[in-house]
């Protein structure tokens, strides 16, 4: 069930964040990404607060159950610190997957 939930939301040409509302790291990740000119619908955010089975799934598949879980295309790049670490190459990656206008 969790795998269907996650896999149905990630796409090769989108950036998908799984967050918990009120999490400062999630808020920072969203603020960083909102600076880019995404095509409509190509930045998706899903609040998984209270959905422990999703966190369990992320633990099994990514080795982490923390949020945010950031997917660029179909690839999980990690969390906010991982997003920060790739900040300088992010525009090129987003352009490459077709997420930007």
N, C-alpha and C. Protein backbone atom coordinates (compact mmCIF):
# COMPACT_ATOMS: atom_id res chain seq x y z
N UNK A 1 0.82 -1.20 0.00
CA UNK A 1 0.00 0.00 0.00
C UNK A 1 0.87 1.27 0.00
N UNK A 2 1.90 1.29 0.85
CA UNK A 2 2.78 2.46 0.90
C UNK A 2 3.52 2.64 -0.41
N UNK A 3 3.97 1.52 -1.00
CA UNK A 3 4.70 1.65 -2.26
C UNK A 3 3.81 2.22 -3.35
N UNK A 4 2.54 1.84 -3.38
CA UNK A 4 1.62 2.39 -4.37
C UNK A 4 1.40 3.88 -4.11
N UNK A 5 1.28 4.26 -2.85
CA UNK A 5 1.09 5.66 -2.48
C UNK A 5 2.24 6.51 -3.00
N UNK A 6 3.46 6.06 -2.72
CA UNK A 6 4.64 6.83 -3.12
C UNK A 6 4.84 6.78 -4.63
N UNK A 7 4.83 5.59 -5.21
CA UNK A 7 5.10 5.45 -6.64
C UNK A 7 4.07 6.16 -7.51
N UNK A 8 2.84 6.28 -7.04
CA UNK A 8 1.82 6.96 -7.82
C UNK A 8 2.00 8.48 -7.81
N UNK A 9 2.87 8.97 -6.93
CA UNK A 9 3.06 10.41 -6.82
C UNK A 9 4.36 10.91 -7.42
N UNK A 10 5.31 10.03 -7.65
CA UNK A 10 6.58 10.47 -8.24
C UNK A 10 6.56 10.27 -9.75
N UNK A 11 7.15 11.20 -10.47
CA UNK A 11 7.20 11.16 -11.94
C UNK A 11 8.60 11.57 -12.39
N UNK A 12 8.97 11.13 -13.55
CA UNK A 12 10.29 11.42 -14.08
C UNK A 12 10.55 12.88 -14.38
N UNK A 13 9.49 13.67 -14.56
CA UNK A 13 9.67 15.08 -14.92
C UNK A 13 9.21 16.03 -13.81
N UNK A 14 9.11 15.52 -12.58
CA UNK A 14 8.63 16.35 -11.46
C UNK A 14 9.56 16.25 -10.27
N UNK A 15 9.43 17.23 -9.39
CA UNK A 15 10.09 17.18 -8.08
C UNK A 15 8.98 16.95 -7.07
N UNK A 16 9.17 15.94 -6.23
CA UNK A 16 8.16 15.57 -5.25
C UNK A 16 8.77 15.60 -3.87
N UNK A 17 8.10 16.29 -2.96
CA UNK A 17 8.52 16.34 -1.57
C UNK A 17 7.47 15.68 -0.70
N UNK A 18 7.92 14.83 0.18
CA UNK A 18 7.06 14.25 1.21
C UNK A 18 7.49 14.92 2.51
N UNK A 19 6.54 15.60 3.14
CA UNK A 19 6.85 16.47 4.27
C UNK A 19 5.93 16.19 5.46
N UNK A 20 6.24 16.87 6.56
CA UNK A 20 5.33 17.01 7.69
C UNK A 20 5.14 18.51 7.91
N UNK A 21 3.91 18.93 7.96
CA UNK A 21 3.62 20.35 8.19
C UNK A 21 4.25 20.77 9.52
N UNK A 22 4.84 21.94 9.53
CA UNK A 22 5.46 22.46 10.74
C UNK A 22 6.92 22.08 10.90
N UNK A 23 7.43 21.20 10.08
CA UNK A 23 8.84 20.79 10.15
C UNK A 23 9.70 21.89 9.53
N UNK A 24 10.67 22.42 10.26
CA UNK A 24 11.49 23.51 9.70
C UNK A 24 12.33 23.06 8.50
N UNK A 25 12.80 21.83 8.49
CA UNK A 25 13.58 21.34 7.35
C UNK A 25 12.70 21.23 6.10
N UNK A 26 11.47 20.80 6.30
CA UNK A 26 10.53 20.72 5.18
C UNK A 26 10.22 22.10 4.63
N UNK A 27 10.01 23.03 5.52
CA UNK A 27 9.72 24.41 5.13
C UNK A 27 10.91 24.99 4.35
N UNK A 28 12.13 24.74 4.83
CA UNK A 28 13.32 25.24 4.15
C UNK A 28 13.47 24.63 2.75
N UNK A 29 13.18 23.34 2.63
CA UNK A 29 13.27 22.68 1.33
C UNK A 29 12.26 23.28 0.35
N UNK A 30 11.04 23.50 0.83
CA UNK A 30 10.00 24.09 -0.03
C UNK A 30 10.39 25.50 -0.45
N UNK A 31 10.92 26.29 0.49
CA UNK A 31 11.32 27.66 0.16
C UNK A 31 12.44 27.67 -0.86
N UNK A 32 13.39 26.75 -0.71
CA UNK A 32 14.50 26.68 -1.67
C UNK A 32 13.98 26.35 -3.07
N UNK A 33 13.09 25.38 -3.15
CA UNK A 33 12.60 24.94 -4.46
C UNK A 33 11.64 25.94 -5.09
N UNK A 34 10.90 26.68 -4.29
CA UNK A 34 9.94 27.63 -4.84
C UNK A 34 10.61 28.82 -5.52
N UNK A 35 11.92 28.94 -5.38
CA UNK A 35 12.66 30.00 -6.06
C UNK A 35 12.81 29.73 -7.55
N UNK A 36 12.56 28.49 -7.95
CA UNK A 36 12.70 28.10 -9.36
C UNK A 36 11.37 28.26 -10.07
N UNK A 37 11.45 28.49 -11.35
CA UNK A 37 10.26 28.70 -12.17
C UNK A 37 9.79 27.34 -12.73
N UNK A 38 9.08 26.58 -11.88
CA UNK A 38 8.60 25.26 -12.27
C UNK A 38 7.44 25.37 -13.24
N UNK A 39 7.36 24.40 -14.14
CA UNK A 39 6.16 24.27 -14.96
C UNK A 39 5.01 23.95 -14.02
N UNK A 40 3.80 24.37 -14.35
CA UNK A 40 2.65 24.09 -13.46
C UNK A 40 2.54 22.59 -13.15
N UNK A 41 2.43 22.28 -11.87
CA UNK A 41 2.26 20.90 -11.42
C UNK A 41 3.54 20.09 -11.35
N UNK A 42 4.69 20.71 -11.59
CA UNK A 42 5.94 19.94 -11.60
C UNK A 42 6.73 20.06 -10.30
N UNK A 43 6.17 20.74 -9.32
CA UNK A 43 6.67 20.71 -7.95
C UNK A 43 5.48 20.27 -7.10
N UNK A 44 5.59 19.07 -6.55
CA UNK A 44 4.49 18.50 -5.77
C UNK A 44 4.92 18.33 -4.32
N UNK A 45 4.00 18.62 -3.41
CA UNK A 45 4.29 18.48 -1.98
C UNK A 45 3.16 17.68 -1.36
N UNK A 46 3.53 16.63 -0.62
CA UNK A 46 2.55 15.78 0.05
C UNK A 46 2.88 15.71 1.53
N UNK A 47 1.90 16.06 2.37
CA UNK A 47 2.05 16.00 3.82
C UNK A 47 1.75 14.57 4.28
N UNK A 48 2.75 13.92 4.88
CA UNK A 48 2.58 12.54 5.33
C UNK A 48 2.54 12.46 6.86
N UNK A 49 2.18 13.56 7.49
CA UNK A 49 2.05 13.58 8.94
C UNK A 49 1.03 12.53 9.38
N UNK A 50 1.41 11.67 10.29
CA UNK A 50 0.52 10.64 10.79
C UNK A 50 0.47 9.38 9.94
N UNK A 51 1.16 9.36 8.83
CA UNK A 51 1.17 8.19 7.95
C UNK A 51 2.45 7.40 8.20
N UNK A 52 2.52 6.75 9.35
CA UNK A 52 3.74 6.05 9.77
C UNK A 52 4.14 4.96 8.78
N UNK A 53 3.17 4.35 8.11
CA UNK A 53 3.51 3.30 7.14
C UNK A 53 4.32 3.87 5.97
N UNK A 54 4.15 5.14 5.66
CA UNK A 54 4.94 5.77 4.61
C UNK A 54 6.38 5.97 5.12
N UNK A 55 6.51 6.40 6.37
CA UNK A 55 7.84 6.55 6.96
C UNK A 55 8.56 5.20 7.00
N UNK A 56 7.84 4.15 7.35
CA UNK A 56 8.41 2.80 7.36
C UNK A 56 8.88 2.39 5.97
N UNK A 57 8.08 2.71 4.97
CA UNK A 57 8.44 2.41 3.58
C UNK A 57 9.72 3.14 3.19
N UNK A 58 9.81 4.42 3.55
CA UNK A 58 11.02 5.18 3.24
C UNK A 58 12.24 4.59 3.96
N UNK A 59 12.05 4.12 5.17
CA UNK A 59 13.16 3.48 5.90
C UNK A 59 13.65 2.26 5.12
N UNK A 60 12.73 1.49 4.61
CA UNK A 60 13.09 0.28 3.86
C UNK A 60 13.75 0.60 2.52
N UNK A 61 13.26 1.62 1.85
CA UNK A 61 13.71 1.88 0.47
C UNK A 61 14.85 2.89 0.37
N UNK A 62 14.93 3.83 1.32
CA UNK A 62 15.96 4.88 1.22
C UNK A 62 16.93 4.86 2.40
N UNK A 63 16.61 4.07 3.41
CA UNK A 63 17.46 4.02 4.59
C UNK A 63 17.19 5.13 5.59
N UNK A 64 16.22 5.98 5.31
CA UNK A 64 15.86 7.09 6.20
C UNK A 64 14.35 7.19 6.31
N UNK A 65 13.88 7.56 7.50
CA UNK A 65 12.45 7.77 7.66
C UNK A 65 12.14 9.23 7.97
N UNK A 66 13.17 10.07 7.91
CA UNK A 66 13.00 11.48 8.23
C UNK A 66 12.39 12.22 7.05
N UNK A 67 11.88 13.41 7.33
CA UNK A 67 11.34 14.28 6.29
C UNK A 67 12.15 15.56 6.28
N UNK A 68 12.19 16.23 5.14
CA UNK A 68 11.53 15.86 3.90
C UNK A 68 12.25 14.72 3.19
N UNK A 69 11.53 13.98 2.42
CA UNK A 69 12.09 13.03 1.45
C UNK A 69 11.89 13.72 0.11
N UNK A 70 12.98 14.00 -0.55
CA UNK A 70 12.97 14.77 -1.80
C UNK A 70 13.27 13.84 -2.97
N UNK A 71 12.35 13.81 -3.92
CA UNK A 71 12.53 13.04 -5.15
C UNK A 71 12.68 14.02 -6.30
N UNK A 72 13.77 13.87 -7.03
CA UNK A 72 13.94 14.63 -8.27
C UNK A 72 13.78 13.60 -9.37
N UNK A 73 12.72 13.77 -10.13
CA UNK A 73 12.34 12.70 -11.05
C UNK A 73 11.92 11.50 -10.20
N UNK A 74 12.39 10.35 -10.54
CA UNK A 74 12.05 9.13 -9.79
C UNK A 74 13.12 8.77 -8.75
N UNK A 75 14.12 9.63 -8.61
CA UNK A 75 15.25 9.34 -7.73
C UNK A 75 15.15 10.12 -6.42
N UNK A 76 15.23 9.40 -5.30
CA UNK A 76 15.25 10.06 -4.00
C UNK A 76 16.66 10.58 -3.75
N UNK A 77 16.79 11.90 -3.61
CA UNK A 77 18.10 12.47 -3.37
C UNK A 77 18.40 12.58 -1.88
N UNK A 78 17.38 12.37 -1.04
CA UNK A 78 17.57 12.44 0.40
C UNK A 78 16.67 13.48 1.02
N UNK A 79 17.24 14.23 1.96
CA UNK A 79 16.48 15.25 2.68
C UNK A 79 16.97 16.65 2.38
N UNK A 80 16.71 17.57 3.30
CA UNK A 80 17.04 18.97 3.07
C UNK A 80 18.54 19.20 2.94
N UNK A 81 19.34 18.57 3.79
CA UNK A 81 20.79 18.79 3.70
C UNK A 81 21.34 18.28 2.37
N UNK A 82 20.78 17.19 1.86
CA UNK A 82 21.20 16.68 0.56
C UNK A 82 20.80 17.65 -0.55
N UNK A 83 19.62 18.23 -0.43
CA UNK A 83 19.16 19.23 -1.39
C UNK A 83 20.08 20.45 -1.35
N UNK A 84 20.44 20.87 -0.16
CA UNK A 84 21.37 22.00 0.01
C UNK A 84 22.72 21.72 -0.64
N UNK A 85 23.21 20.51 -0.45
CA UNK A 85 24.52 20.14 -0.98
C UNK A 85 24.57 20.13 -2.50
N UNK A 86 23.43 19.97 -3.14
CA UNK A 86 23.42 19.97 -4.61
C UNK A 86 22.85 21.26 -5.18
N UNK A 87 22.74 22.29 -4.36
CA UNK A 87 22.14 23.55 -4.76
C UNK A 87 22.77 24.13 -6.02
N UNK A 88 24.07 24.08 -6.15
CA UNK A 88 24.76 24.68 -7.30
C UNK A 88 24.46 23.96 -8.60
N UNK A 89 24.15 22.67 -8.55
CA UNK A 89 23.84 21.95 -9.79
C UNK A 89 22.35 21.70 -9.99
N UNK A 90 21.54 22.16 -9.06
CA UNK A 90 20.10 21.94 -9.11
C UNK A 90 19.44 22.54 -10.36
N UNK A 91 19.75 23.76 -10.77
CA UNK A 91 19.10 24.30 -11.96
C UNK A 91 19.28 23.41 -13.19
N UNK A 92 20.49 22.91 -13.40
CA UNK A 92 20.74 22.04 -14.54
C UNK A 92 19.96 20.74 -14.47
N UNK A 93 19.87 20.17 -13.27
CA UNK A 93 19.14 18.91 -13.10
C UNK A 93 17.65 19.13 -13.35
N UNK A 94 17.11 20.21 -12.81
CA UNK A 94 15.69 20.50 -12.99
C UNK A 94 15.37 20.77 -14.46
N UNK A 95 16.28 21.43 -15.14
CA UNK A 95 16.11 21.68 -16.57
C UNK A 95 16.16 20.35 -17.34
N UNK A 96 17.10 19.50 -16.96
CA UNK A 96 17.30 18.22 -17.63
C UNK A 96 16.07 17.32 -17.55
N UNK A 97 15.36 17.32 -16.41
CA UNK A 97 14.17 16.45 -16.29
C UNK A 97 12.93 17.12 -16.87
N UNK A 98 13.04 18.38 -17.28
CA UNK A 98 11.91 19.08 -17.89
C UNK A 98 10.93 19.67 -16.90
N UNK A 99 11.40 19.95 -15.68
CA UNK A 99 10.50 20.49 -14.65
C UNK A 99 10.36 22.00 -14.71
N UNK A 100 11.29 22.67 -15.36
CA UNK A 100 11.27 24.14 -15.38
C UNK A 100 10.67 24.69 -16.66
N UNK A 101 10.13 25.91 -16.56
CA UNK A 101 9.58 26.59 -17.73
C UNK A 101 10.67 27.16 -18.58
